C-alpha atoms as a PDB file:
ATOM      1  CA  MET A   1      26.905 -29.203  -2.599  1.00  0.00           C
ATOM      2  CA  LEU A   2      23.273 -29.111  -1.440  1.00  0.00           C
ATOM      3  CA  ALA A   3      22.031 -28.775  -5.022  1.00  0.00           C
ATOM      4  CA  GLN A   4      24.198 -31.714  -6.069  1.00  0.00           C
ATOM      5  CA  ASN A   5      22.826 -33.880  -3.233  1.00  0.00           C
ATOM      6  CA  THR A   6      19.267 -32.837  -4.076  1.00  0.00           C
ATOM      7  CA  SER A   7      19.787 -33.698  -7.738  1.00  0.00           C
ATOM      8  CA  ARG A   8      21.180 -37.102  -6.806  1.00  0.00           C
ATOM      9  CA  LEU A   9      18.226 -37.754  -4.497  1.00  0.00           C
ATOM     10  CA  ILE A  10      15.707 -36.790  -7.184  1.00  0.00           C
ATOM     11  CA  PHE A  11      17.492 -38.948  -9.763  1.00  0.00           C
ATOM     12  CA  THR A  12      17.488 -41.936  -7.393  1.00  0.00           C
ATOM     13  CA  LEU A  13      13.781 -41.469  -6.683  1.00  0.00           C
ATOM     14  CA  LEU A  14      12.909 -41.265 -10.375  1.00  0.00           C
ATOM     15  CA  GLU A  15      15.110 -44.261 -11.178  1.00  0.00           C
ATOM     16  CA  THR A  16      13.410 -46.326  -8.454  1.00  0.00           C
ATOM     17  CA  LEU A  17       9.940 -45.397  -9.692  1.00  0.00           C
ATOM     18  CA  PHE A  18      10.947 -46.213 -13.270  1.00  0.00           C
ATOM     19  CA  LEU A  19      12.358 -49.621 -12.326  1.00  0.00           C
ATOM     20  CA  LYS A  20       9.180 -50.434 -10.367  1.00  0.00           C
ATOM     21  CA  LYS A  21       7.186 -49.495 -13.502  1.00  0.00           C
ATOM     22  CA  LYS A  22       5.397 -46.711 -11.614  1.00  0.00           C
ATOM     23  CA  LEU A  23       6.902 -44.063 -13.870  1.00  0.00           C
ATOM     24  CA  THR A  24       6.923 -43.972 -17.641  1.00  0.00           C
ATOM     25  CA  ILE A  25       9.486 -41.885 -19.454  1.00  0.00           C
ATOM     26  CA  ASN A  26       8.613 -40.669 -22.944  1.00  0.00           C
ATOM     27  CA  PHE A  27      10.684 -38.769 -25.446  1.00  0.00           C
ATOM     28  CA  LEU A  28       9.560 -35.188 -25.956  1.00  0.00           C
ATOM     29  CA  SER A  29      10.799 -33.340 -28.987  1.00  0.00           C
ATOM     30  CA  SER A  30      12.375 -29.966 -28.353  1.00  0.00           C
ATOM     31  CA  ARG A  31       9.725 -28.547 -30.692  1.00  0.00           C
ATOM     32  CA  ASP A  32       7.047 -29.468 -28.131  1.00  0.00           C
ATOM     33  CA  GLN A  33       8.655 -27.893 -25.077  1.00  0.00           C
ATOM     34  CA  LEU A  34       5.901 -25.700 -23.658  1.00  0.00           C
ATOM     35  CA  ALA A  35       8.356 -24.101 -21.229  1.00  0.00           C
ATOM     36  CA  ASP A  36       9.772 -22.232 -24.233  1.00  0.00           C
ATOM     37  CA  LEU A  37       6.784 -19.894 -23.879  1.00  0.00           C
ATOM     38  CA  LEU A  38       8.302 -18.505 -20.695  1.00  0.00           C
ATOM     39  CA  THR A  39      12.006 -18.924 -21.336  1.00  0.00           C
ATOM     40  CA  LYS A  40      12.799 -18.060 -24.954  1.00  0.00           C
ATOM     41  CA  PRO A  41      12.076 -15.339 -27.462  1.00  0.00           C
ATOM     42  CA  LEU A  42       9.694 -16.863 -30.004  1.00  0.00           C
ATOM     43  CA  SER A  43       8.206 -15.847 -33.306  1.00  0.00           C
ATOM     44  CA  THR A  44       4.537 -14.937 -33.196  1.00  0.00           C
ATOM     45  CA  ALA A  45       3.582 -18.098 -35.069  1.00  0.00           C
ATOM     46  CA  ARG A  46       5.567 -20.335 -32.665  1.00  0.00           C
ATOM     47  CA  PHE A  47       4.176 -18.511 -29.631  1.00  0.00           C
ATOM     48  CA  ASN A  48       0.601 -18.948 -30.893  1.00  0.00           C
ATOM     49  CA  LEU A  49       1.179 -22.638 -31.643  1.00  0.00           C
ATOM     50  CA  LEU A  50       2.494 -23.348 -28.131  1.00  0.00           C
ATOM     51  CA  CYS A  51      -0.359 -21.331 -26.590  1.00  0.00           C
ATOM     52  CA  SER A  52      -2.886 -23.364 -28.549  1.00  0.00           C
ATOM     53  CA  ASN A  53      -1.273 -26.557 -27.194  1.00  0.00           C
ATOM     54  CA  LEU A  54      -1.946 -25.212 -23.696  1.00  0.00           C
ATOM     55  CA  ASN A  55      -5.494 -24.197 -24.623  1.00  0.00           C
ATOM     56  CA  VAL A  56      -4.594 -20.563 -23.913  1.00  0.00           C
ATOM     57  CA  ARG A  57      -6.686 -18.165 -25.921  1.00  0.00           C
ATOM     58  CA  ASN A  58      -6.635 -14.437 -26.395  1.00  0.00           C
ATOM     59  CA  ARG A  59      -9.614 -12.748 -24.867  1.00  0.00           C
ATOM     60  CA  PRO A  60     -10.621  -9.357 -26.123  1.00  0.00           C
ATOM     61  CA  PHE A  61      -9.863  -6.665 -23.602  1.00  0.00           C
ATOM     62  CA  ARG A  62     -12.973  -4.826 -22.517  1.00  0.00           C
ATOM     63  CA  LEU A  63     -14.081  -2.920 -19.497  1.00  0.00           C
ATOM     64  CA  ARG A  64     -17.324  -3.635 -17.753  1.00  0.00           C
ATOM     65  CA  GLY A  65     -19.259  -0.396 -17.842  1.00  0.00           C
ATOM     66  CA  ARG A  66     -17.871   3.073 -18.215  1.00  0.00           C
ATOM     67  CA  VAL A  67     -14.952   4.151 -16.063  1.00  0.00           C
ATOM     68  CA  GLU A  68     -16.873   7.207 -14.895  1.00  0.00           C
ATOM     69  CA  ASP A  69     -19.727   4.997 -13.651  1.00  0.00           C
ATOM     70  CA  ILE A  70     -17.312   2.768 -11.738  1.00  0.00           C
ATOM     71  CA  ILE A  71     -15.635   5.779 -10.078  1.00  0.00           C
ATOM     72  CA  LYS A  72     -19.008   7.279  -9.107  1.00  0.00           C
ATOM     73  CA  SER A  73     -20.215   3.942  -7.725  1.00  0.00           C
ATOM     74  CA  THR A  74     -17.034   3.577  -5.650  1.00  0.00           C
ATOM     75  CA  LYS A  75     -17.390   7.113  -4.252  1.00  0.00           C
ATOM     76  CA  ASP A  76     -21.050   6.431  -3.405  1.00  0.00           C
ATOM     77  CA  ASN A  77     -20.076   3.260  -1.555  1.00  0.00           C
ATOM     78  CA  ILE A  78     -17.400   5.126   0.417  1.00  0.00           C
ATOM     79  CA  ASP A  79     -19.868   7.903   1.318  1.00  0.00           C
ATOM     80  CA  THR A  80     -22.396   5.290   2.465  1.00  0.00           C
ATOM     81  CA  MET A  81     -19.786   3.604   4.671  1.00  0.00           C
ATOM     82  CA  ASP A  82     -18.773   6.976   6.159  1.00  0.00           C
ATOM     83  CA  ASN A  83     -22.399   7.828   6.957  1.00  0.00           C
ATOM     84  CA  HIS A  84     -22.923   4.371   8.460  1.00  0.00           C
ATOM     85  CA  ASP A  85     -19.922   4.843  10.781  1.00  0.00           C
ATOM     86  CA  GLN A  86     -21.240   8.232  11.971  1.00  0.00           C
ATOM     87  CA  ILE A  87     -24.581   6.734  13.021  1.00  0.00           C
ATOM     88  CA  TYR A  88     -22.965   4.366  15.507  1.00  0.00           C
END
């Protein structure tokens, strides 16, 4: 019942805005529905086309630095914080 009342309220609001010429309604082909990216299984070509319409691009995956360097740096930072706490 609540969902039905909410839908009616939204429809009335949109209708009022449309009649006051504050809202324009345009036809959108089902081929241009960007929500399909998240809701439907798509072929690779269709997926890439919709992504390009959103200006979504693949970025090559790469790590910054070597993993070993990052782990060592993190351990050094933890050791420094531990030593700092012991001084006070």
